[in-house]
Amino acid sequence: MEPFILSPQDQTADEGNITVLECVTGRGAPPPILYWEKDGTKHTGGMVTEVLFGEVGQDGHEQRSSNVQIVASLESAGLYRCAAENPLTKHVIFSENARLTVEGLYHEFS
């Protein structure tokens, strides 16, 4: 399995807004299992979309694209990375980390 060709990028979001982090794997066969991590542990929040990126090669190698949509909250701030696991060998390759910074909304009450 090849390294990631696109890692998620650092982002700053206002609390309550939706932000999207994206990654694209290198080529691999069999197709990798993708998942996201937040602060070093498997991330189960947000809505994840995964699609084939490009075409499957004659040798069965393919690339995958994954994005995760996150509703920005103070709890969702942190370091995110994409993981690609070979389902046969269980070898995992990680993307670079991306920092999600969330700015809180300040309300004045009268």
Protein backbone atom coordinates (compact mmCIF):
# COMPACT_ATOMS: atom_id res chain seq x y z
CA MET A 1 0.00 0.00 0.00
CA GLU A 2 1.37 3.39 -1.00
CA PRO A 3 1.36 6.50 1.23
CA PHE A 4 -1.54 8.95 1.17
CA ILE A 5 -1.53 11.35 -1.77
CA LEU A 6 -3.82 13.83 -0.01
CA SER A 7 -3.94 14.43 3.75
CA PRO A 8 -6.57 16.49 5.57
CA GLN A 9 -5.72 20.17 6.04
CA ASP A 10 -5.83 22.31 9.20
CA GLN A 11 -9.14 24.14 9.53
CA THR A 12 -10.78 26.72 11.76
CA ALA A 13 -14.57 26.61 12.05
CA ASP A 14 -17.18 28.55 13.96
CA GLU A 15 -19.10 26.53 16.51
CA GLY A 16 -22.22 25.01 14.94
CA ASN A 17 -20.92 25.11 11.36
CA ILE A 18 -20.17 21.99 9.34
CA THR A 19 -16.57 21.40 8.34
CA VAL A 20 -15.21 18.70 6.01
CA LEU A 21 -11.88 16.89 6.23
CA GLU A 22 -10.71 14.88 3.21
CA CYS A 23 -8.02 12.34 2.39
CA VAL A 24 -7.00 10.23 -0.62
CA THR A 25 -5.02 7.01 -0.26
CA GLY A 26 -2.18 5.83 -2.40
CA ARG A 27 -2.71 2.72 -4.52
CA GLY A 28 -3.27 -0.56 -2.76
CA ALA A 29 -4.56 -4.08 -3.29
CA PRO A 30 -6.71 -5.33 -1.78
CA PRO A 31 -8.65 -2.10 -1.30
CA PRO A 32 -7.85 -0.59 2.12
CA ILE A 33 -10.35 -0.19 4.92
CA LEU A 34 -10.51 3.52 5.74
CA TYR A 35 -11.34 5.14 9.04
CA TRP A 36 -10.71 8.43 10.83
CA GLU A 37 -8.93 9.05 14.11
CA LYS A 38 -9.30 12.02 16.44
CA ASP A 39 -6.54 12.64 18.97
CA GLY A 40 -5.13 9.14 18.36
CA THR A 41 -8.34 7.13 18.82
CA LYS A 42 -10.90 5.89 16.30
CA HIS A 43 -13.39 8.65 15.49
CA THR A 44 -16.99 7.50 15.30
CA GLY A 45 -18.71 10.87 14.97
CA GLY A 46 -19.63 12.83 11.89
CA MET A 47 -20.82 11.58 8.53
CA VAL A 48 -18.17 9.68 6.56
CA THR A 49 -18.24 9.27 2.78
CA GLU A 50 -15.86 6.93 0.97
CA VAL A 51 -15.54 6.53 -2.80
CA LEU A 52 -13.23 4.98 -5.38
CA PHE A 53 -10.70 7.57 -6.53
CA GLY A 54 -9.81 7.15 -10.20
CA GLU A 55 -10.00 3.71 -11.77
CA VAL A 56 -9.05 0.24 -10.61
CA GLY A 57 -5.74 -0.77 -12.19
CA GLN A 58 -5.28 -4.00 -14.12
CA ASP A 59 -3.36 -5.37 -11.15
CA GLY A 60 -6.35 -4.74 -8.85
CA HIS A 61 -4.75 -1.73 -7.17
CA GLU A 62 -7.04 1.16 -6.40
CA GLN A 63 -7.17 4.42 -4.51
CA ARG A 64 -9.91 5.54 -2.12
CA SER A 65 -11.11 8.98 -1.12
CA SER A 66 -12.73 9.62 2.23
CA ASN A 67 -14.21 12.68 3.84
CA VAL A 68 -15.79 13.26 7.19
CA GLN A 69 -18.34 16.01 7.86
CA ILE A 70 -18.17 17.32 11.41
CA VAL A 71 -20.49 19.75 13.15
CA ALA A 72 -17.98 22.04 14.82
CA SER A 73 -18.22 22.14 18.60
CA LEU A 74 -15.70 22.76 21.33
CA GLU A 75 -15.64 18.96 21.87
CA SER A 76 -14.88 18.26 18.20
CA ALA A 77 -11.70 20.36 18.21
CA GLY A 78 -8.49 18.34 17.99
CA LEU A 79 -6.11 16.45 15.71
CA TYR A 80 -7.62 14.31 12.95
CA ARG A 81 -6.01 11.85 10.57
CA CYS A 82 -7.16 9.26 8.07
CA ALA A 83 -6.11 5.63 8.41
CA ALA A 84 -5.89 3.01 5.64
CA GLU A 85 -5.72 -0.60 6.82
CA ASN A 86 -4.85 -3.55 4.61
CA PRO A 87 -7.63 -6.07 5.38
CA LEU A 88 -5.28 -9.05 4.89
CA THR A 89 -2.10 -7.98 6.68
CA LYS A 90 -3.74 -5.48 9.09
CA HIS A 91 -0.88 -3.06 8.25
CA VAL A 92 -2.06 0.54 8.76
CA ILE A 93 -0.81 3.68 7.03
CA PHE A 94 -1.77 7.11 8.37
CA SER A 95 -2.23 10.46 6.66
CA GLU A 96 -0.66 13.58 8.09
CA ASN A 97 -2.50 15.15 11.04
CA ALA A 98 -4.86 18.08 10.60
CA ARG A 99 -5.85 20.36 13.46
CA LEU A 100 -9.50 21.37 13.73
CA THR A 101 -9.82 24.58 15.72
CA VAL A 102 -13.31 25.59 16.78
CA GLU A 103 -14.13 29.15 17.72
CA GLY A 104 -17.00 29.52 20.18
CA LEU A 105 -19.94 31.81 19.63
CA TYR A 106 -20.43 34.47 22.23
CA HIS A 107 -23.94 35.52 23.05
CA GLU A 108 -24.93 38.61 25.00
CA PHE A 109 -27.96 38.24 27.17
CA SER A 110 -29.85 41.30 28.34
